[in-house]
Amino acid sequence: MDWRSIKFDWNRARAFLVTAEEGSLSAAARALGMTQPTLGRQVSALEQELGVVLFERVSQGLNLTANGLQLLEHVRAMGEAASHLSLSASGQAHSLEGSVCISASEVYAVFFLPAIIAKLRQQEPKIQIEIVATNSSSDLSRREADIALRNFRPTQPDLITKKIKEVFARLYATPTYLQQLNITAISDFQKAHFISFDNTGMLLNGLNEMGLNLSKKNFPILTENYIAHWELVKQGLGIGIMPEEVGDAEPLVQQALPEMPAIVFPIWLTTHRELNTSRRVRMVFDLLATELTD
């Protein structure tokens, strides 16, 4: 914007707006708490700055000229913007409305988000929340979601990211299943069945890097749904993986080998640059950051 192109005093524009809305200088002066001569001088000065006649002086008062009527629409928009600015600055515009879409893995969507959304609904009931429970990465640049919880740090330049914490996951199974296997060392896992959640070999390779020495025969059941994965584990069909916060709270299972180091992965909270311009997105982003960090 070329600020030097603005050749008028905005206070005088307000004087013109109120005079047009009130219909006379005397009424406008009362509305603004000014004297009528002072207000008249401001309107006259604006006419000189713009080089146009805004009012026709008639015996009954003032009539807008064609130029005045044309400019009034723009000045009204300025007045509305000024009113919104004043309300926001004074803390009176507290209402947050609209929708926010959160993308999260099935585990986080089921076990972590509901309590946070309940708190959010109490604080800001006019915000509508959509949860996309997916283990795939929603494309924030294409607005598939407003906020995403991810296990990796996005690198797109138009995204804002914040590392929330590191999550510790462990191997879990039912006590009955573990008693049958009699697992006392990492080498005992070679005779166990695991519930796989991918067909790429990622889980197999990751566990072998931890020294388990497994093969594809150790993974007789596969599901890409993490909630189904967890239910299969709870039914005693094999060993699965879950964050400690979820696994340790489930009475039907126990850690398969507590002495074994945890599987560590990060949680990143991600949003588009709109975070800087949308109050409701920032509010939800900040609440998620606070609650998930605790």
C-alpha atoms as a PDB file:
ATOM      1  CA  MET A   1       0.000   0.000   0.000  1.00  0.00           C
ATOM      2  CA  ASP A   2       1.219   3.503  -0.857  1.00  0.00           C
ATOM      3  CA  TRP A   3       0.546   5.291   2.417  1.00  0.00           C
ATOM      4  CA  ARG A   4       1.567   8.629   0.884  1.00  0.00           C
ATOM      5  CA  SER A   5      -1.398   8.428  -1.462  1.00  0.00           C
ATOM      6  CA  ILE A   6      -3.801   8.950   1.491  1.00  0.00           C
ATOM      7  CA  LYS A   7      -4.336  12.689   1.399  1.00  0.00           C
ATOM      8  CA  PHE A   8      -6.961  13.182   4.073  1.00  0.00           C
ATOM      9  CA  ASP A   9      -7.287  13.169   7.845  1.00  0.00           C
ATOM     10  CA  TRP A  10      -9.130  10.051   9.034  1.00  0.00           C
ATOM     11  CA  ASN A  11     -10.691  12.020  11.920  1.00  0.00           C
ATOM     12  CA  ARG A  12     -12.279  14.312   9.344  1.00  0.00           C
ATOM     13  CA  ALA A  13     -13.589  11.259   7.503  1.00  0.00           C
ATOM     14  CA  ARG A  14     -15.309  10.232  10.742  1.00  0.00           C
ATOM     15  CA  ALA A  15     -16.859  13.686  10.994  1.00  0.00           C
ATOM     16  CA  PHE A  16     -18.236  13.278   7.457  1.00  0.00           C
ATOM     17  CA  LEU A  17     -19.593   9.791   8.229  1.00  0.00           C
ATOM     18  CA  VAL A  18     -21.397  10.795  11.414  1.00  0.00           C
ATOM     19  CA  THR A  19     -22.823  13.920   9.796  1.00  0.00           C
ATOM     20  CA  ALA A  20     -24.168  11.875   6.885  1.00  0.00           C
ATOM     21  CA  GLU A  21     -25.628   9.245   9.221  1.00  0.00           C
ATOM     22  CA  GLU A  22     -27.182  11.772  11.648  1.00  0.00           C
ATOM     23  CA  GLY A  23     -28.482  14.069   8.915  1.00  0.00           C
ATOM     24  CA  SER A  24     -27.265  17.385  10.336  1.00  0.00           C
ATOM     25  CA  LEU A  25     -24.241  19.058  11.846  1.00  0.00           C
ATOM     26  CA  SER A  26     -25.994  19.680  15.125  1.00  0.00           C
ATOM     27  CA  ALA A  27     -27.009  16.025  15.579  1.00  0.00           C
ATOM     28  CA  ALA A  28     -23.560  14.818  14.554  1.00  0.00           C
ATOM     29  CA  ALA A  29     -21.902  17.223  16.978  1.00  0.00           C
ATOM     30  CA  ARG A  30     -24.024  15.864  19.827  1.00  0.00           C
ATOM     31  CA  ALA A  31     -23.179  12.279  18.861  1.00  0.00           C
ATOM     32  CA  LEU A  32     -19.447  12.996  18.850  1.00  0.00           C
ATOM     33  CA  GLY A  33     -19.429  15.308  21.872  1.00  0.00           C
ATOM     34  CA  MET A  34     -18.106  18.218  19.806  1.00  0.00           C
ATOM     35  CA  THR A  35     -19.292  21.734  19.114  1.00  0.00           C
ATOM     36  CA  GLN A  36     -21.150  22.279  15.883  1.00  0.00           C
ATOM     37  CA  PRO A  37     -18.649  24.871  14.528  1.00  0.00           C
ATOM     38  CA  THR A  38     -15.711  22.507  15.168  1.00  0.00           C
ATOM     39  CA  LEU A  39     -17.468  19.656  13.388  1.00  0.00           C
ATOM     40  CA  GLY A  40     -18.399  21.937  10.489  1.00  0.00           C
ATOM     41  CA  ARG A  41     -14.765  22.972  10.088  1.00  0.00           C
ATOM     42  CA  GLN A  42     -13.672  19.298   9.966  1.00  0.00           C
ATOM     43  CA  VAL A  43     -16.177  18.487   7.218  1.00  0.00           C
ATOM     44  CA  SER A  44     -15.149  21.569   5.233  1.00  0.00           C
ATOM     45  CA  ALA A  45     -11.465  20.682   5.639  1.00  0.00           C
ATOM     46  CA  LEU A  46     -12.154  17.162   4.323  1.00  0.00           C
ATOM     47  CA  GLU A  47     -13.875  18.625   1.262  1.00  0.00           C
ATOM     48  CA  GLN A  48     -10.794  20.744   0.593  1.00  0.00           C
ATOM     49  CA  GLU A  49      -8.433  17.766   1.071  1.00  0.00           C
ATOM     50  CA  LEU A  50     -10.418  15.573  -1.323  1.00  0.00           C
ATOM     51  CA  GLY A  51     -11.241  18.344  -3.756  1.00  0.00           C
ATOM     52  CA  VAL A  52     -14.939  17.459  -3.830  1.00  0.00           C
ATOM     53  CA  VAL A  53     -18.156  18.862  -2.402  1.00  0.00           C
ATOM     54  CA  LEU A  54     -19.731  16.371  -0.005  1.00  0.00           C
ATOM     55  CA  PHE A  55     -22.869  18.234   1.093  1.00  0.00           C
ATOM     56  CA  GLU A  56     -25.236  20.745  -0.378  1.00  0.00           C
ATOM     57  CA  ARG A  57     -26.302  23.349   2.160  1.00  0.00           C
ATOM     58  CA  VAL A  58     -30.039  23.805   1.894  1.00  0.00           C
ATOM     59  CA  SER A  59     -32.558  25.514   4.101  1.00  0.00           C
ATOM     60  CA  GLN A  60     -33.645  22.208   5.623  1.00  0.00           C
ATOM     61  CA  GLY A  61     -30.068  21.210   6.478  1.00  0.00           C
ATOM     62  CA  LEU A  62     -27.595  19.125   4.461  1.00  0.00           C
ATOM     63  CA  ASN A  63     -28.023  16.895   1.435  1.00  0.00           C
ATOM     64  CA  LEU A  64     -25.346  14.538   0.176  1.00  0.00           C
ATOM     65  CA  THR A  65     -24.015  15.366  -3.260  1.00  0.00           C
ATOM     66  CA  ALA A  66     -23.445  12.635  -5.850  1.00  0.00           C
ATOM     67  CA  ASN A  67     -19.764  12.574  -4.868  1.00  0.00           C
ATOM     68  CA  GLY A  68     -20.658  12.476  -1.194  1.00  0.00           C
ATOM     69  CA  LEU A  69     -23.030   9.568  -1.710  1.00  0.00           C
ATOM     70  CA  GLN A  70     -20.367   7.646  -3.629  1.00  0.00           C
ATOM     71  CA  LEU A  71     -17.716   8.207  -0.954  1.00  0.00           C
ATOM     72  CA  LEU A  72     -20.076   7.405   1.909  1.00  0.00           C
ATOM     73  CA  GLU A  73     -19.939   3.660   1.142  1.00  0.00           C
ATOM     74  CA  HIS A  74     -16.169   3.609   1.601  1.00  0.00           C
ATOM     75  CA  VAL A  75     -16.271   5.733   4.742  1.00  0.00           C
ATOM     76  CA  ARG A  76     -18.874   3.394   6.255  1.00  0.00           C
ATOM     77  CA  ALA A  77     -16.487   0.481   5.720  1.00  0.00           C
ATOM     78  CA  MET A  78     -13.777   2.491   7.477  1.00  0.00           C
ATOM     79  CA  GLY A  79     -16.153   3.140  10.358  1.00  0.00           C
ATOM     80  CA  GLU A  80     -17.001  -0.552  10.740  1.00  0.00           C
ATOM     81  CA  ALA A  81     -13.314  -1.510  10.675  1.00  0.00           C
ATOM     82  CA  ALA A  82     -12.534   1.148  13.291  1.00  0.00           C
ATOM     83  CA  SER A  83     -15.352  -0.170  15.478  1.00  0.00           C
ATOM     84  CA  HIS A  84     -14.024  -3.741  15.272  1.00  0.00           C
ATOM     85  CA  LEU A  85     -10.521  -2.511  16.075  1.00  0.00           C
ATOM     86  CA  SER A  86     -11.750  -0.627  19.112  1.00  0.00           C
ATOM     87  CA  LEU A  87     -13.713  -3.611  20.415  1.00  0.00           C
ATOM     88  CA  SER A  88     -10.795  -5.969  19.966  1.00  0.00           C
ATOM     89  CA  ALA A  89      -8.300  -3.608  21.597  1.00  0.00           C
ATOM     90  CA  SER A  90     -10.563  -3.019  24.565  1.00  0.00           C
ATOM     91  CA  GLY A  91     -11.081  -6.733  25.135  1.00  0.00           C
ATOM     92  CA  GLN A  92     -14.797  -6.662  24.330  1.00  0.00           C
ATOM     93  CA  ALA A  93     -14.566  -8.903  21.251  1.00  0.00           C
ATOM     94  CA  HIS A  94     -14.015 -12.178  23.102  1.00  0.00           C
ATOM     95  CA  SER A  95     -16.307 -14.433  21.105  1.00  0.00           C
ATOM     96  CA  LEU A  96     -14.540 -17.140  19.094  1.00  0.00           C
ATOM     97  CA  GLU A  97     -16.647 -18.801  16.431  1.00  0.00           C
ATOM     98  CA  GLY A  98     -16.023 -21.132  13.517  1.00  0.00           C
ATOM     99  CA  SER A  99     -14.626 -24.569  12.854  1.00  0.00           C
ATOM    100  CA  VAL A 100     -11.166 -26.031  13.445  1.00  0.00           C
ATOM    101  CA  CYS A 101     -10.125 -29.365  11.939  1.00  0.00           C
ATOM    102  CA  ILE A 102      -7.579 -31.471  13.840  1.00  0.00           C
ATOM    103  CA  SER A 103      -5.774 -34.374  12.210  1.00  0.00           C
ATOM    104  CA  ALA A 104      -4.322 -36.986  14.566  1.00  0.00           C
ATOM    105  CA  SER A 105      -3.386 -40.642  14.620  1.00  0.00           C
ATOM    106  CA  GLU A 106      -6.076 -43.089  15.696  1.00  0.00           C
ATOM    107  CA  VAL A 107      -4.352 -43.589  19.034  1.00  0.00           C
ATOM    108  CA  TYR A 108      -4.275 -39.882  19.830  1.00  0.00           C
ATOM    109  CA  ALA A 109      -7.753 -39.285  18.416  1.00  0.00           C
ATOM    110  CA  VAL A 110      -9.208 -41.990  20.684  1.00  0.00           C
ATOM    111  CA  PHE A 111      -7.129 -41.872  23.867  1.00  0.00           C
ATOM    112  CA  PHE A 112      -5.880 -38.289  24.163  1.00  0.00           C
ATOM    113  CA  LEU A 113      -8.039 -35.777  22.292  1.00  0.00           C
ATOM    114  CA  PRO A 114     -11.511 -36.398  23.819  1.00  0.00           C
ATOM    115  CA  ALA A 115     -10.617 -34.997  27.255  1.00  0.00           C
ATOM    116  CA  ILE A 116      -8.941 -31.970  25.639  1.00  0.00           C
ATOM    117  CA  ILE A 117     -11.912 -31.325  23.355  1.00  0.00           C
ATOM    118  CA  ALA A 118     -14.227 -31.517  26.387  1.00  0.00           C
ATOM    119  CA  LYS A 119     -12.208 -28.761  28.059  1.00  0.00           C
ATOM    120  CA  LEU A 120     -12.202 -26.733  24.853  1.00  0.00           C
ATOM    121  CA  ARG A 121     -15.988 -27.022  24.531  1.00  0.00           C
ATOM    122  CA  GLN A 122     -16.387 -25.662  28.045  1.00  0.00           C
ATOM    123  CA  GLN A 123     -14.123 -22.707  27.335  1.00  0.00           C
ATOM    124  CA  GLU A 124     -15.240 -21.861  23.796  1.00  0.00           C
ATOM    125  CA  PRO A 125     -18.583 -23.531  22.974  1.00  0.00           C
ATOM    126  CA  LYS A 126     -18.922 -21.643  19.668  1.00  0.00           C
ATOM    127  CA  ILE A 127     -15.872 -23.358  18.166  1.00  0.00           C
ATOM    128  CA  GLN A 128     -16.831 -26.431  16.163  1.00  0.00           C
ATOM    129  CA  ILE A 129     -14.222 -29.210  16.129  1.00  0.00           C
ATOM    130  CA  GLU A 130     -13.685 -31.788  13.406  1.00  0.00           C
ATOM    131  CA  ILE A 131     -11.303 -34.660  14.169  1.00  0.00           C
ATOM    132  CA  VAL A 132      -9.696 -36.550  11.314  1.00  0.00           C
ATOM    133  CA  ALA A 133      -8.480 -39.829  12.836  1.00  0.00           C
ATOM    134  CA  THR A 134      -5.884 -41.067  10.393  1.00  0.00           C
ATOM    135  CA  ASN A 135      -2.441 -42.617  10.468  1.00  0.00           C
ATOM    136  CA  SER A 136      -1.627 -40.836   7.203  1.00  0.00           C
ATOM    137  CA  SER A 137      -0.339 -37.269   7.078  1.00  0.00           C
ATOM    138  CA  SER A 138      -3.050 -34.748   6.253  1.00  0.00           C
ATOM    139  CA  ASP A 139      -1.894 -32.062   3.820  1.00  0.00           C
ATOM    140  CA  LEU A 140      -2.227 -28.798   5.720  1.00  0.00           C
ATOM    141  CA  SER A 141      -1.171 -26.773   2.692  1.00  0.00           C
ATOM    142  CA  ARG A 142      -4.271 -28.048   0.902  1.00  0.00           C
ATOM    143  CA  ARG A 143      -6.387 -27.396   3.998  1.00  0.00           C
ATOM    144  CA  GLU A 144      -7.120 -31.073   4.675  1.00  0.00           C
ATOM    145  CA  ALA A 145      -6.822 -29.980   8.320  1.00  0.00           C
ATOM    146  CA  ASP A 146      -6.016 -26.830  10.282  1.00  0.00           C
ATOM    147  CA  ILE A 147      -3.853 -28.512  12.924  1.00  0.00           C
ATOM    148  CA  ALA A 148      -2.066 -31.864  12.852  1.00  0.00           C
ATOM    149  CA  LEU A 149      -0.372 -34.083  15.426  1.00  0.00           C
ATOM    150  CA  ARG A 150       2.570 -35.870  13.817  1.00  0.00           C
ATOM    151  CA  ASN A 151       5.426 -38.161  14.771  1.00  0.00           C
ATOM    152  CA  PHE A 152       7.869 -36.299  12.544  1.00  0.00           C
ATOM    153  CA  ARG A 153       8.866 -32.704  11.964  1.00  0.00           C
ATOM    154  CA  PRO A 154       7.369 -31.283   8.754  1.00  0.00           C
ATOM    155  CA  THR A 155       9.760 -29.334   6.549  1.00  0.00           C
ATOM    156  CA  GLN A 156       7.337 -27.297   4.417  1.00  0.00           C
ATOM    157  CA  PRO A 157       8.178 -23.581   4.740  1.00  0.00           C
ATOM    158  CA  ASP A 158       4.524 -22.530   5.049  1.00  0.00           C
ATOM    159  CA  LEU A 159       3.963 -24.613   8.187  1.00  0.00           C
ATOM    160  CA  ILE A 160       4.501 -23.748  11.842  1.00  0.00           C
ATOM    161  CA  THR A 161       5.686 -26.621  14.032  1.00  0.00           C
ATOM    162  CA  LYS A 162       6.189 -27.118  17.741  1.00  0.00           C
ATOM    163  CA  LYS A 163       7.694 -30.190  19.362  1.00  0.00           C
ATOM    164  CA  ILE A 164       5.374 -31.140  22.203  1.00  0.00           C
ATOM    165  CA  LYS A 165       7.243 -33.997  23.816  1.00  0.00           C
ATOM    166  CA  GLU A 166       8.787 -37.410  23.295  1.00  0.00           C
ATOM    167  CA  VAL A 167       6.507 -40.391  23.731  1.00  0.00           C
ATOM    168  CA  PHE A 168       7.704 -43.661  25.228  1.00  0.00           C
ATOM    169  CA  ALA A 169       6.045 -46.742  23.765  1.00  0.00           C
ATOM    170  CA  ARG A 170       6.459 -50.336  24.924  1.00  0.00           C
ATOM    171  CA  LEU A 171       5.520 -53.869  23.986  1.00  0.00           C
ATOM    172  CA  TYR A 172       2.331 -55.162  25.618  1.00  0.00           C
ATOM    173  CA  ALA A 173       0.454 -58.462  25.812  1.00  0.00           C
ATOM    174  CA  THR A 174      -1.996 -60.200  28.131  1.00  0.00           C
ATOM    175  CA  PRO A 175      -0.524 -61.856  31.242  1.00  0.00           C
ATOM    176  CA  THR A 176      -1.822 -65.240  30.047  1.00  0.00           C
ATOM    177  CA  TYR A 177      -0.063 -64.924  26.701  1.00  0.00           C
ATOM    178  CA  LEU A 178       3.221 -63.909  28.330  1.00  0.00           C
ATOM    179  CA  GLN A 179       3.006 -66.783  30.819  1.00  0.00           C
ATOM    180  CA  GLN A 180       2.607 -69.223  27.962  1.00  0.00           C
ATOM    181  CA  LEU A 181       5.745 -67.883  26.288  1.00  0.00           C
ATOM    182  CA  ASN A 182       7.701 -67.478  29.524  1.00  0.00           C
ATOM    183  CA  ILE A 183       9.565 -64.438  28.195  1.00  0.00           C
ATOM    184  CA  THR A 184      12.468 -63.514  30.440  1.00  0.00           C
ATOM    185  CA  ALA A 185      14.950 -62.181  27.857  1.00  0.00           C
ATOM    186  CA  ILE A 186      14.915 -60.495  24.437  1.00  0.00           C
ATOM    187  CA  SER A 187      15.845 -63.781  22.742  1.00  0.00           C
ATOM    188  CA  ASP A 188      12.532 -65.289  23.947  1.00  0.00           C
ATOM    189  CA  PHE A 189      10.597 -62.987  21.592  1.00  0.00           C
ATOM    190  CA  GLN A 190      11.618 -65.188  18.658  1.00  0.00           C
ATOM    191  CA  LYS A 191       8.847 -67.615  19.617  1.00  0.00           C
ATOM    192  CA  ALA A 192       6.182 -64.889  20.025  1.00  0.00           C
ATOM    193  CA  HIS A 193       3.495 -63.605  17.693  1.00  0.00           C
ATOM    194  CA  PHE A 194       3.217 -59.873  17.057  1.00  0.00           C
ATOM    195  CA  ILE A 195       0.293 -57.830  15.744  1.00  0.00           C
ATOM    196  CA  SER A 196       1.607 -55.879  12.757  1.00  0.00           C
ATOM    197  CA  PHE A 197       0.184 -52.536  11.612  1.00  0.00           C
ATOM    198  CA  ASP A 198       2.037 -52.196   8.299  1.00  0.00           C
ATOM    199  CA  ASN A 199       3.071 -54.373   5.378  1.00  0.00           C
ATOM    200  CA  THR A 200       6.242 -52.464   4.609  1.00  0.00           C
ATOM    201  CA  GLY A 201       8.401 -54.258   7.156  1.00  0.00           C
ATOM    202  CA  MET A 202       8.875 -51.062   9.181  1.00  0.00           C
ATOM    203  CA  LEU A 203       7.790 -52.668  12.450  1.00  0.00           C
ATOM    204  CA  LEU A 204       9.794 -55.824  11.780  1.00  0.00           C
ATOM    205  CA  ASN A 205      12.939 -53.848  10.983  1.00  0.00           C
ATOM    206  CA  GLY A 206      12.461 -51.531  13.938  1.00  0.00           C
ATOM    207  CA  LEU A 207      12.121 -54.379  16.431  1.00  0.00           C
ATOM    208  CA  ASN A 208      15.109 -56.191  14.960  1.00  0.00           C
ATOM    209  CA  GLU A 209      17.178 -53.050  15.409  1.00  0.00           C
ATOM    210  CA  MET A 210      16.349 -53.418  19.099  1.00  0.00           C
ATOM    211  CA  GLY A 211      17.832 -56.918  19.054  1.00  0.00           C
ATOM    212  CA  LEU A 212      14.674 -59.076  18.815  1.00  0.00           C
ATOM    213  CA  ASN A 213      15.849 -61.055  15.726  1.00  0.00           C
ATOM    214  CA  LEU A 214      12.357 -61.640  14.296  1.00  0.00           C
ATOM    215  CA  SER A 215      11.125 -62.815  10.883  1.00  0.00           C
ATOM    216  CA  LYS A 216       7.864 -62.419   8.934  1.00  0.00           C
ATOM    217  CA  LYS A 217       6.613 -65.631  10.592  1.00  0.00           C
ATOM    218  CA  ASN A 218       6.390 -63.690  13.853  1.00  0.00           C
ATOM    219  CA  PHE A 219       3.658 -61.456  12.361  1.00  0.00           C
ATOM    220  CA  PRO A 220       0.648 -63.679  11.532  1.00  0.00           C
ATOM    221  CA  ILE A 221      -1.911 -60.850  11.946  1.00  0.00           C
ATOM    222  CA  LEU A 222      -1.844 -57.446  10.269  1.00  0.00           C
ATOM    223  CA  THR A 223      -4.156 -54.457  10.610  1.00  0.00           C
ATOM    224  CA  GLU A 224      -3.499 -50.856   9.652  1.00  0.00           C
ATOM    225  CA  ASN A 225      -6.016 -49.691  12.241  1.00  0.00           C
ATOM    226  CA  TYR A 226      -4.277 -48.988  15.535  1.00  0.00           C
ATOM    227  CA  ILE A 227      -7.453 -49.410  17.582  1.00  0.00           C
ATOM    228  CA  ALA A 228      -8.031 -52.853  16.053  1.00  0.00           C
ATOM    229  CA  HIS A 229      -4.344 -53.571  16.716  1.00  0.00           C
ATOM    230  CA  TRP A 230      -4.851 -52.783  20.393  1.00  0.00           C
ATOM    231  CA  GLU A 231      -8.037 -54.849  20.680  1.00  0.00           C
ATOM    232  CA  LEU A 232      -6.267 -57.858  19.163  1.00  0.00           C
ATOM    233  CA  VAL A 233      -3.538 -57.492  21.772  1.00  0.00           C
ATOM    234  CA  LYS A 234      -6.130 -57.308  24.563  1.00  0.00           C
ATOM    235  CA  GLN A 235      -7.686 -60.537  23.268  1.00  0.00           C
ATOM    236  CA  GLY A 236      -4.393 -62.353  23.792  1.00  0.00           C
ATOM    237  CA  LEU A 237      -3.577 -62.873  20.112  1.00  0.00           C
ATOM    238  CA  GLY A 238      -0.064 -61.496  20.278  1.00  0.00           C
ATOM    239  CA  ILE A 239       2.229 -58.658  21.306  1.00  0.00           C
ATOM    240  CA  GLY A 240       1.582 -55.065  20.277  1.00  0.00           C
ATOM    241  CA  ILE A 241       2.951 -51.580  20.756  1.00  0.00           C
ATOM    242  CA  MET A 242       1.301 -48.702  22.577  1.00  0.00           C
ATOM    243  CA  PRO A 243       2.408 -45.500  24.396  1.00  0.00           C
ATOM    244  CA  GLU A 244       3.017 -46.072  28.096  1.00  0.00           C
ATOM    245  CA  GLU A 245       0.229 -43.686  29.064  1.00  0.00           C
ATOM    246  CA  VAL A 246      -2.289 -45.937  27.331  1.00  0.00           C
ATOM    247  CA  GLY A 247      -0.707 -49.338  27.845  1.00  0.00           C
ATOM    248  CA  ASP A 248       0.046 -49.011  31.547  1.00  0.00           C
ATOM    249  CA  ALA A 249      -3.529 -47.832  32.189  1.00  0.00           C
ATOM    250  CA  GLU A 250      -5.090 -50.892  30.538  1.00  0.00           C
ATOM    251  CA  PRO A 251      -5.729 -53.651  33.155  1.00  0.00           C
ATOM    252  CA  LEU A 252      -5.995 -56.435  30.554  1.00  0.00           C
ATOM    253  CA  VAL A 253      -2.348 -56.192  29.487  1.00  0.00           C
ATOM    254  CA  GLN A 254       1.118 -55.697  30.888  1.00  0.00           C
ATOM    255  CA  GLN A 255       4.532 -54.775  29.562  1.00  0.00           C
ATOM    256  CA  ALA A 256       6.068 -57.715  27.763  1.00  0.00           C
ATOM    257  CA  LEU A 257       9.565 -57.105  29.049  1.00  0.00           C
ATOM    258  CA  PRO A 258       9.803 -54.077  31.376  1.00  0.00           C
ATOM    259  CA  GLU A 259      13.612 -54.194  31.393  1.00  0.00           C
ATOM    260  CA  MET A 260      13.759 -53.560  27.654  1.00  0.00           C
ATOM    261  CA  PRO A 261      14.357 -49.912  26.604  1.00  0.00           C
ATOM    262  CA  ALA A 262      11.276 -48.008  25.484  1.00  0.00           C
ATOM    263  CA  ILE A 263      10.586 -47.133  21.863  1.00  0.00           C
ATOM    264  CA  VAL A 264      10.916 -43.338  21.694  1.00  0.00           C
ATOM    265  CA  PHE A 265       9.252 -41.133  19.093  1.00  0.00           C
ATOM    266  CA  PRO A 266       8.457 -37.381  19.040  1.00  0.00           C
ATOM    267  CA  ILE A 267       5.101 -35.625  18.877  1.00  0.00           C
ATOM    268  CA  TRP A 268       4.984 -32.493  16.726  1.00  0.00           C
ATOM    269  CA  LEU A 269       2.091 -30.061  16.709  1.00  0.00           C
ATOM    270  CA  THR A 270       1.762 -28.517  13.267  1.00  0.00           C
ATOM    271  CA  THR A 271      -0.400 -25.854  11.683  1.00  0.00           C
ATOM    272  CA  HIS A 272      -0.462 -23.549   8.693  1.00  0.00           C
ATOM    273  CA  ARG A 273       0.712 -19.942   8.841  1.00  0.00           C
ATOM    274  CA  GLU A 274      -2.934 -19.035   9.392  1.00  0.00           C
ATOM    275  CA  LEU A 275      -2.073 -19.537  13.067  1.00  0.00           C
ATOM    276  CA  ASN A 276      -0.808 -15.965  12.973  1.00  0.00           C
ATOM    277  CA  THR A 277      -4.125 -14.565  11.719  1.00  0.00           C
ATOM    278  CA  SER A 278      -6.862 -16.826  13.120  1.00  0.00           C
ATOM    279  CA  ARG A 279      -7.707 -16.421  16.811  1.00  0.00           C
ATOM    280  CA  ARG A 280      -9.647 -19.671  16.974  1.00  0.00           C
ATOM    281  CA  VAL A 281      -6.833 -21.720  15.359  1.00  0.00           C
ATOM    282  CA  ARG A 282      -4.293 -20.208  17.729  1.00  0.00           C
ATOM    283  CA  MET A 283      -6.555 -20.839  20.716  1.00  0.00           C
ATOM    284  CA  VAL A 284      -6.947 -24.530  19.821  1.00  0.00           C
ATOM    285  CA  PHE A 285      -3.246 -24.858  18.948  1.00  0.00           C
ATOM    286  CA  ASP A 286      -2.164 -23.367  22.277  1.00  0.00           C
ATOM    287  CA  LEU A 287      -4.609 -25.512  24.255  1.00  0.00           C
ATOM    288  CA  LEU A 288      -3.384 -28.691  22.544  1.00  0.00           C
ATOM    289  CA  ALA A 289       0.225 -27.702  23.220  1.00  0.00           C
ATOM    290  CA  THR A 290      -0.496 -27.130  26.913  1.00  0.00           C
ATOM    291  CA  GLU A 291      -2.629 -30.208  27.522  1.00  0.00           C
ATOM    292  CA  LEU A 292      -0.471 -32.648  25.564  1.00  0.00           C
ATOM    293  CA  THR A 293       2.689 -31.452  27.248  1.00  0.00           C
ATOM    294  CA  ASP A 294       1.339 -32.115  30.742  1.00  0.00           C
END
